[in-house]
Amino acid sequence: MSIGIYLHVPFCGKKCPYCDFYSGAASKPNMDRYTDYLEQQLLSYQGKGITADTLYFGGGTPNLLGGERLSRLIHAAKNSFSLSTQSEITVEGNPFSITEDFLRQIHNAGANRLSLGMQSANETELQFLGRRHTPEQVRTAVAMARDAGFSNLSLDLMLAIPHQTADSLCRSIAFCAELDVEHISSYLLKIEPNTAFFAQQNTLSLPEEDEVSKRYRLAVSELQAAGYAQYEISNFSKPGYEGRHNLKYWHCEPYLGFGPSAHSYFDGKRFYYPPSLEEYLSGKPPVQDGEGGSEEETAMLQLRLTEGVSDTLWQQKFGKPLPSALFRIAKRYEKPGLIQFDSPTSFHFTPEGFLVSNLLIVELLEAF
């Protein structure tokens, strides 16, 4: 089985107030040191017989590394993990700082999927979120990406932003559909510890729980009407454009992560690098995080997907059917519309079920 490769780019021009991903200021010396070290790490896997079919640059703001550095890393990953032209190679970027030359350079190196952090097509909402781009800059970035040869584009869209209305959300979705992108990641604003919003949460005018639920259900409905099928709690795509790299996480398939704060699941083990650039560059080994791939973990991850869980899947992965108790528990939530059965031995969450999935999963996992 081919694995996935994740490369964390821990540099940002400005920290967004909602973001809890590890990142720091982008300086040329640090980006040069980081690229050199990461390239060496990737090349150390040459000849080990490990193949990959997805490569994902996350952040941070990966495009701050520039086309030359990212191209070096793409080539190093290709050489070490036998990535082909059929592999999915994704680069995240900020519409504010994307350039034509950058896009052409990384596309020529092999990048074939671009994920842009749009968040909203409403300028007031963008300002609240601390984003420096405008909707028009998103439009320009998409046009430049098409001109550079990208045929697989994804936009981030945030839900339940303070002061977001049903109308402004629908306009943002219509904006995405008008740009004809292939994929949309549409997720609820979460106030995470150690963020600026966490310190300000008592003054943010956050929407009530009922309003949050309405925004989510509206997004699902509007995105599906625009041709974007939901395949995961927060992800929607045109047919055939599901994010292959992230599906590896949810299918509990192996992947290797490189860079500070990057996580891995490989050879049945989970491990991660501490969130420190200096520790990473000093060669500090990853922290071991126990076994992975248990039935409970697989069920928890599968239930994030609209495909849900099934006896067929369990027979393939574990050589046995799902516990009968799982179906008895799931049946309790079929009539309230939280769970839908596709057959007597397979089910998935509905959009309403996704809204309370954390609670449902805790109960469902009691069956294992």
Protein backbone atom coordinates (compact mmCIF):
# COMPACT_ATOMS: atom_id res chain seq x y z
CA MET A 1 0.00 0.00 0.00
CA SER A 2 1.30 3.46 -0.90
CA ILE A 3 1.45 5.87 2.03
CA GLY A 4 0.84 9.60 2.32
CA ILE A 5 3.54 12.21 3.03
CA TYR A 6 2.78 15.36 5.03
CA LEU A 7 5.25 18.25 5.19
CA HIS A 8 4.54 20.97 7.74
CA VAL A 9 5.70 24.47 6.78
CA PRO A 10 5.91 26.34 10.11
CA PHE A 11 6.06 29.91 8.77
CA CYS A 12 3.45 32.66 8.61
CA GLY A 13 3.45 36.32 7.71
CA LYS A 14 0.85 36.98 10.40
CA LYS A 15 -0.86 34.67 12.89
CA CYS A 16 -4.63 34.53 12.42
CA PRO A 17 -6.53 34.97 15.70
CA TYR A 18 -8.34 31.62 15.38
CA CYS A 19 -5.34 29.49 14.35
CA ASP A 20 -3.73 27.01 16.76
CA PHE A 21 -1.44 25.31 14.22
CA TYR A 22 2.26 25.63 14.99
CA SER A 23 3.92 28.47 13.07
CA GLY A 24 6.34 31.36 13.52
CA ALA A 25 7.72 34.33 11.64
CA ALA A 26 9.11 33.70 8.16
CA SER A 27 12.75 34.71 7.82
CA LYS A 28 15.07 33.78 4.94
CA PRO A 29 17.71 32.15 7.20
CA ASN A 30 15.14 29.98 8.98
CA MET A 31 13.40 29.01 5.74
CA ASP A 32 16.74 28.09 4.15
CA ARG A 33 17.79 26.02 7.18
CA TYR A 34 14.42 24.34 7.32
CA THR A 35 14.35 23.48 3.62
CA ASP A 36 17.89 22.07 3.73
CA TYR A 37 17.11 19.90 6.75
CA LEU A 38 13.74 18.70 5.47
CA GLU A 39 15.26 17.84 2.09
CA GLN A 40 17.92 15.74 3.84
CA GLN A 41 15.25 13.97 5.89
CA LEU A 42 13.24 13.12 2.79
CA LEU A 43 16.27 11.90 0.86
CA SER A 44 17.26 9.65 3.76
CA TYR A 45 14.33 7.41 2.73
CA GLN A 46 15.77 6.73 -0.72
CA GLY A 47 16.15 3.03 -1.42
CA LYS A 48 13.99 1.92 1.52
CA GLY A 49 11.22 0.64 -0.74
CA ILE A 50 8.51 2.91 0.71
CA THR A 51 6.16 4.31 -1.94
CA ALA A 52 3.70 7.17 -1.59
CA ASP A 53 0.86 8.45 -3.76
CA THR A 54 -0.01 11.69 -1.91
CA LEU A 55 2.12 14.62 -0.77
CA TYR A 56 0.63 17.47 1.25
CA PHE A 57 2.26 20.78 2.21
CA GLY A 58 0.36 22.26 5.18
CA GLY A 59 1.09 25.08 7.55
CA GLY A 60 1.59 27.73 8.44
CA THR A 61 1.63 29.28 5.00
CA PRO A 62 3.50 26.94 2.65
CA ASN A 63 3.69 29.38 -0.25
CA LEU A 64 5.94 31.62 1.88
CA LEU A 65 8.74 29.10 1.25
CA GLY A 66 8.68 30.19 -2.37
CA GLY A 67 8.66 28.19 -5.57
CA GLU A 68 12.32 27.22 -5.55
CA ARG A 69 12.36 25.76 -2.04
CA LEU A 70 9.04 23.96 -2.47
CA SER A 71 10.17 22.54 -5.81
CA ARG A 72 13.30 21.13 -4.16
CA LEU A 73 11.15 19.42 -1.55
CA ILE A 74 8.74 18.05 -4.16
CA HIS A 75 11.65 16.58 -6.12
CA ALA A 76 13.17 15.10 -2.93
CA ALA A 77 9.84 13.44 -2.07
CA LYS A 78 9.48 12.13 -5.62
CA ASN A 79 12.97 10.65 -5.56
CA SER A 80 12.52 9.03 -2.14
CA PHE A 81 8.94 7.76 -2.32
CA SER A 82 8.40 7.11 -6.05
CA LEU A 83 5.64 9.71 -6.42
CA SER A 84 4.30 9.65 -9.98
CA THR A 85 2.35 12.00 -12.22
CA GLN A 86 -0.80 10.25 -10.93
CA SER A 87 -0.01 11.15 -7.32
CA GLU A 88 -1.90 13.92 -5.56
CA ILE A 89 0.51 16.74 -4.59
CA THR A 90 -1.22 19.52 -2.64
CA VAL A 91 0.15 22.90 -1.59
CA GLU A 92 -1.76 25.19 0.76
CA GLY A 93 -1.53 28.89 0.04
CA ASN A 94 -2.71 32.33 1.05
CA PRO A 95 -4.57 34.29 -1.67
CA PHE A 96 -2.84 37.43 -0.41
CA SER A 97 0.67 36.26 -1.31
CA ILE A 98 0.24 33.86 -4.25
CA THR A 99 2.03 34.90 -7.46
CA GLU A 100 1.95 33.69 -11.07
CA ASP A 101 5.64 32.75 -11.06
CA PHE A 102 5.23 30.76 -7.84
CA LEU A 103 2.28 28.80 -9.21
CA ARG A 104 4.01 27.97 -12.48
CA GLN A 105 7.17 26.89 -10.65
CA ILE A 106 5.47 24.48 -8.26
CA HIS A 107 3.18 23.14 -10.99
CA ASN A 108 6.18 22.43 -13.19
CA ALA A 109 7.76 20.61 -10.21
CA GLY A 110 4.71 18.35 -9.92
CA ALA A 111 2.20 20.07 -7.63
CA ASN A 112 -1.27 19.42 -9.05
CA ARG A 113 -3.65 20.51 -6.28
CA LEU A 114 -3.87 23.94 -4.63
CA SER A 115 -5.75 24.68 -1.40
CA LEU A 116 -6.46 28.36 -0.74
CA GLY A 117 -7.42 29.73 2.68
CA MET A 118 -10.37 31.82 1.56
CA GLN A 119 -12.55 31.46 4.73
CA SER A 120 -15.23 33.89 3.49
CA ALA A 121 -16.24 35.97 0.48
CA ASN A 122 -17.50 38.73 2.79
CA GLU A 123 -14.99 41.52 3.51
CA THR A 124 -16.36 42.25 7.00
CA GLU A 125 -16.03 38.60 7.98
CA LEU A 126 -12.51 38.43 6.53
CA GLN A 127 -11.46 41.44 8.58
CA PHE A 128 -12.90 39.89 11.73
CA LEU A 129 -10.90 36.72 11.05
CA GLY A 130 -7.69 38.70 10.62
CA ARG A 131 -7.35 37.72 6.96
CA ARG A 132 -5.42 40.15 4.77
CA HIS A 133 -6.90 39.19 1.42
CA THR A 134 -10.06 40.38 -0.28
CA PRO A 135 -12.61 38.28 -2.19
CA GLU A 136 -11.23 39.76 -5.41
CA GLN A 137 -7.76 38.49 -4.54
CA VAL A 138 -9.23 35.00 -4.16
CA ARG A 139 -10.76 35.35 -7.63
CA THR A 140 -7.40 36.47 -9.02
CA ALA A 141 -5.51 33.63 -7.30
CA VAL A 142 -7.92 31.05 -8.75
CA ALA A 143 -7.53 32.52 -12.25
CA MET A 144 -3.72 32.49 -11.91
CA ALA A 145 -3.80 28.87 -10.74
CA ARG A 146 -5.89 27.85 -13.75
CA ASP A 147 -3.47 29.68 -16.07
CA ALA A 148 -0.57 27.84 -14.40
CA GLY A 149 -2.21 24.49 -15.17
CA PHE A 150 -3.96 23.56 -11.91
CA SER A 151 -7.16 21.59 -12.50
CA ASN A 152 -7.83 20.68 -8.87
CA LEU A 153 -8.50 23.62 -6.56
CA SER A 154 -9.88 23.71 -3.02
CA LEU A 155 -11.17 26.66 -0.99
CA ASP A 156 -11.57 26.89 2.79
CA LEU A 157 -14.91 28.25 3.99
CA MET A 158 -15.56 28.99 7.66
CA LEU A 159 -19.00 28.64 9.27
CA ALA A 160 -20.59 30.22 12.35
CA ILE A 161 -18.41 33.34 12.29
CA PRO A 162 -19.75 36.10 14.54
CA HIS A 163 -22.14 38.31 12.56
CA GLN A 164 -22.30 35.81 9.70
CA THR A 165 -25.85 35.63 8.37
CA ALA A 166 -27.62 33.00 6.30
CA ASP A 167 -27.48 35.42 3.39
CA SER A 168 -23.74 36.14 3.69
CA LEU A 169 -23.00 32.40 3.94
CA CYS A 170 -25.06 31.68 0.84
CA ARG A 171 -23.19 34.44 -1.01
CA SER A 172 -19.85 32.91 -0.01
CA ILE A 173 -20.97 29.50 -1.27
CA ALA A 174 -22.23 31.06 -4.51
CA PHE A 175 -18.84 32.77 -4.87
CA CYS A 176 -17.07 29.38 -4.61
CA ALA A 177 -19.47 27.83 -7.11
CA GLU A 178 -18.99 30.72 -9.52
CA LEU A 179 -15.23 30.14 -9.41
CA ASP A 180 -15.98 26.51 -10.29
CA VAL A 181 -13.43 25.06 -7.85
CA GLU A 182 -13.39 21.30 -7.41
CA HIS A 183 -13.33 21.05 -3.60
CA ILE A 184 -14.52 23.03 -0.57
CA SER A 185 -13.50 22.50 3.06
CA SER A 186 -16.32 24.05 5.08
CA TYR A 187 -15.76 23.92 8.82
CA LEU A 188 -17.14 25.49 11.96
CA LEU A 189 -15.16 28.18 13.76
CA LYS A 190 -13.70 26.65 16.92
CA ILE A 191 -12.20 28.74 19.71
CA GLU A 192 -8.98 26.92 20.51
CA PRO A 193 -6.74 27.44 23.56
CA ASN A 194 -3.60 29.50 23.04
CA THR A 195 -5.17 31.63 20.30
CA ALA A 196 -6.02 35.32 20.29
CA PHE A 197 -9.73 34.48 20.00
CA PHE A 198 -9.51 32.30 23.11
CA ALA A 199 -8.32 35.31 25.12
CA GLN A 200 -11.11 37.43 23.62
CA GLN A 201 -13.91 34.87 23.61
CA ASN A 202 -16.11 36.74 26.09
CA THR A 203 -16.26 39.69 23.71
CA LEU A 204 -16.66 37.88 20.38
CA SER A 205 -20.48 37.68 20.12
CA LEU A 206 -20.30 34.03 19.20
CA PRO A 207 -23.51 32.55 17.75
CA GLU A 208 -25.71 30.39 19.93
CA GLU A 209 -25.69 26.62 19.47
CA ASP A 210 -28.95 26.66 17.52
CA GLU A 211 -27.54 29.23 15.10
CA VAL A 212 -24.36 27.19 14.66
CA SER A 213 -26.47 24.14 13.75
CA LYS A 214 -28.52 26.17 11.27
CA ARG A 215 -25.38 27.48 9.55
CA TYR A 216 -23.98 23.97 9.21
CA ARG A 217 -27.20 22.50 7.81
CA LEU A 218 -27.55 25.45 5.44
CA ALA A 219 -23.98 24.99 4.20
CA VAL A 220 -24.54 21.27 3.56
CA SER A 221 -27.74 21.99 1.65
CA GLU A 222 -26.35 24.88 -0.41
CA LEU A 223 -23.09 23.13 -1.24
CA GLN A 224 -24.90 19.99 -2.38
CA ALA A 225 -27.27 22.09 -4.51
CA ALA A 226 -24.18 23.68 -6.11
CA GLY A 227 -22.79 20.26 -7.04
CA TYR A 228 -20.47 19.63 -4.07
CA ALA A 229 -21.24 16.29 -2.44
CA GLN A 230 -20.41 15.90 1.23
CA TYR A 231 -17.95 13.07 1.85
CA GLU A 232 -16.70 14.00 5.34
CA ILE A 233 -17.95 16.13 8.23
CA SER A 234 -16.32 19.28 6.83
CA ASN A 235 -15.42 18.39 3.24
CA PHE A 236 -17.32 18.61 -0.03
CA SER A 237 -16.26 17.99 -3.60
CA LYS A 238 -17.30 17.46 -7.16
CA PRO A 239 -17.31 13.76 -8.10
CA GLY A 240 -13.80 12.33 -8.21
CA TYR A 241 -12.16 15.28 -6.45
CA GLU A 242 -12.27 14.10 -2.85
CA GLY A 243 -9.04 14.95 -1.02
CA ARG A 244 -7.03 11.75 -1.38
CA HIS A 245 -4.41 12.68 1.21
CA ASN A 246 -6.85 13.47 4.02
CA LEU A 247 -8.83 10.34 3.18
CA LYS A 248 -5.76 8.40 4.28
CA TYR A 249 -6.18 9.85 7.79
CA TRP A 250 -9.86 8.96 7.95
CA HIS A 251 -9.35 5.50 6.47
CA CYS A 252 -6.64 4.86 9.08
CA GLU A 253 -4.03 4.30 6.35
CA PRO A 254 -0.29 4.90 6.91
CA TYR A 255 1.38 8.27 6.44
CA LEU A 256 4.64 9.95 7.41
CA GLY A 257 4.73 13.53 8.68
CA PHE A 258 7.83 15.73 8.59
CA GLY A 259 8.40 19.06 10.33
CA PRO A 260 7.67 20.46 13.80
CA SER A 261 4.23 19.34 15.10
CA ALA A 262 3.80 16.84 12.23
CA HIS A 263 2.17 13.51 13.14
CA SER A 264 2.72 10.07 11.60
CA TYR A 265 1.05 6.67 11.55
CA PHE A 266 3.43 4.05 10.17
CA ASP A 267 4.07 0.35 10.82
CA GLY A 268 1.16 0.35 13.27
CA LYS A 269 2.71 3.09 15.43
CA ARG A 270 1.76 6.72 15.96
CA PHE A 271 4.43 9.36 16.62
CA TYR A 272 4.94 13.11 16.23
CA TYR A 273 7.54 15.83 16.29
CA PRO A 274 7.29 18.41 19.10
CA PRO A 275 6.04 21.85 18.01
CA SER A 276 9.45 23.52 18.02
CA LEU A 277 11.44 24.52 14.96
CA GLU A 278 14.75 24.59 16.86
CA GLU A 279 14.18 21.13 18.36
CA TYR A 280 13.30 19.77 14.93
CA LEU A 281 16.37 21.31 13.28
CA SER A 282 18.58 19.98 16.07
CA GLY A 283 17.59 16.43 15.11
CA LYS A 284 15.39 15.66 18.12
CA PRO A 285 13.57 12.38 17.35
CA PRO A 286 9.80 12.14 17.20
CA VAL A 287 7.77 11.36 20.31
CA GLN A 288 6.25 7.87 20.34
CA ASP A 289 2.47 8.02 20.73
CA GLY A 290 1.42 4.40 21.06
CA GLU A 291 -0.26 1.87 18.79
CA GLY A 292 -2.63 2.84 16.01
CA GLY A 293 -5.23 1.17 13.85
CA SER A 294 -7.40 -0.44 16.52
CA GLU A 295 -11.04 -1.25 15.79
CA GLU A 296 -12.17 1.62 18.03
CA GLU A 297 -9.88 4.13 16.33
CA THR A 298 -10.84 2.92 12.86
CA ALA A 299 -14.56 3.23 13.68
CA MET A 300 -14.07 6.72 15.14
CA LEU A 301 -12.28 7.91 11.99
CA GLN A 302 -14.59 6.13 9.53
CA LEU A 303 -17.61 7.75 11.14
CA ARG A 304 -16.26 11.15 10.08
CA LEU A 305 -17.03 10.03 6.52
CA THR A 306 -20.40 9.88 4.82
CA GLU A 307 -19.51 6.31 3.78
CA GLY A 308 -19.64 5.37 7.47
CA VAL A 309 -18.92 1.83 8.70
CA SER A 310 -19.91 -1.56 7.31
CA ASP A 311 -19.41 -5.28 7.80
CA THR A 312 -17.75 -5.40 4.37
CA LEU A 313 -15.10 -2.90 5.46
CA TRP A 314 -14.52 -4.74 8.74
CA GLN A 315 -14.10 -8.07 7.02
CA GLN A 316 -11.46 -6.50 4.74
CA LYS A 317 -9.55 -4.79 7.55
CA PHE A 318 -10.01 -7.11 10.52
CA GLY A 319 -11.25 -10.42 9.10
CA LYS A 320 -14.51 -10.33 11.07
CA PRO A 321 -17.87 -8.52 11.12
CA LEU A 322 -18.71 -5.50 13.21
CA PRO A 323 -20.07 -6.23 16.71
CA SER A 324 -23.84 -6.73 16.67
CA ALA A 325 -24.07 -4.37 19.66
CA LEU A 326 -22.88 -1.53 17.40
CA PHE A 327 -25.96 -1.86 15.22
CA ARG A 328 -28.27 -2.05 18.24
CA ILE A 329 -26.85 1.23 19.54
CA ALA A 330 -26.99 2.86 16.10
CA LYS A 331 -30.67 1.87 15.67
CA ARG A 332 -31.59 4.13 18.59
CA TYR A 333 -30.61 7.14 16.48
CA GLU A 334 -32.12 6.13 13.15
CA LYS A 335 -35.64 7.39 13.88
CA PRO A 336 -34.43 10.79 15.24
CA GLY A 337 -32.61 11.24 11.92
CA LEU A 338 -29.05 11.22 13.27
CA ILE A 339 -27.99 7.93 11.67
CA GLN A 340 -28.94 6.40 8.34
CA PHE A 341 -28.66 2.69 7.59
CA ASP A 342 -27.54 1.80 4.05
CA SER A 343 -28.09 -1.90 4.74
CA PRO A 344 -28.72 -3.98 7.87
CA THR A 345 -24.93 -4.06 8.42
CA SER A 346 -23.80 -0.57 7.37
CA PHE A 347 -24.66 2.95 8.50
CA HIS A 348 -23.43 6.54 8.50
CA PHE A 349 -24.20 9.82 10.21
CA THR A 350 -26.59 12.29 8.62
CA PRO A 351 -25.70 16.02 8.64
CA GLU A 352 -27.73 16.31 11.85
CA GLY A 353 -25.75 13.39 13.27
CA PHE A 354 -22.45 15.03 12.36
CA LEU A 355 -23.43 17.99 14.54
CA VAL A 356 -23.49 15.73 17.61
CA SER A 357 -21.00 13.15 16.34
CA ASN A 358 -18.64 13.43 19.30
CA LEU A 359 -21.39 12.35 21.68
CA LEU A 360 -22.68 9.63 19.36
CA ILE A 361 -19.22 8.16 18.78
CA VAL A 362 -18.56 7.84 22.51
CA GLU A 363 -21.72 5.76 22.87
CA LEU A 364 -21.13 3.72 19.71
CA LEU A 365 -17.60 2.78 20.73
CA GLU A 366 -18.97 1.05 23.81
CA ALA A 367 -19.79 -1.81 21.44
CA PHE A 368 -16.09 -2.69 20.99
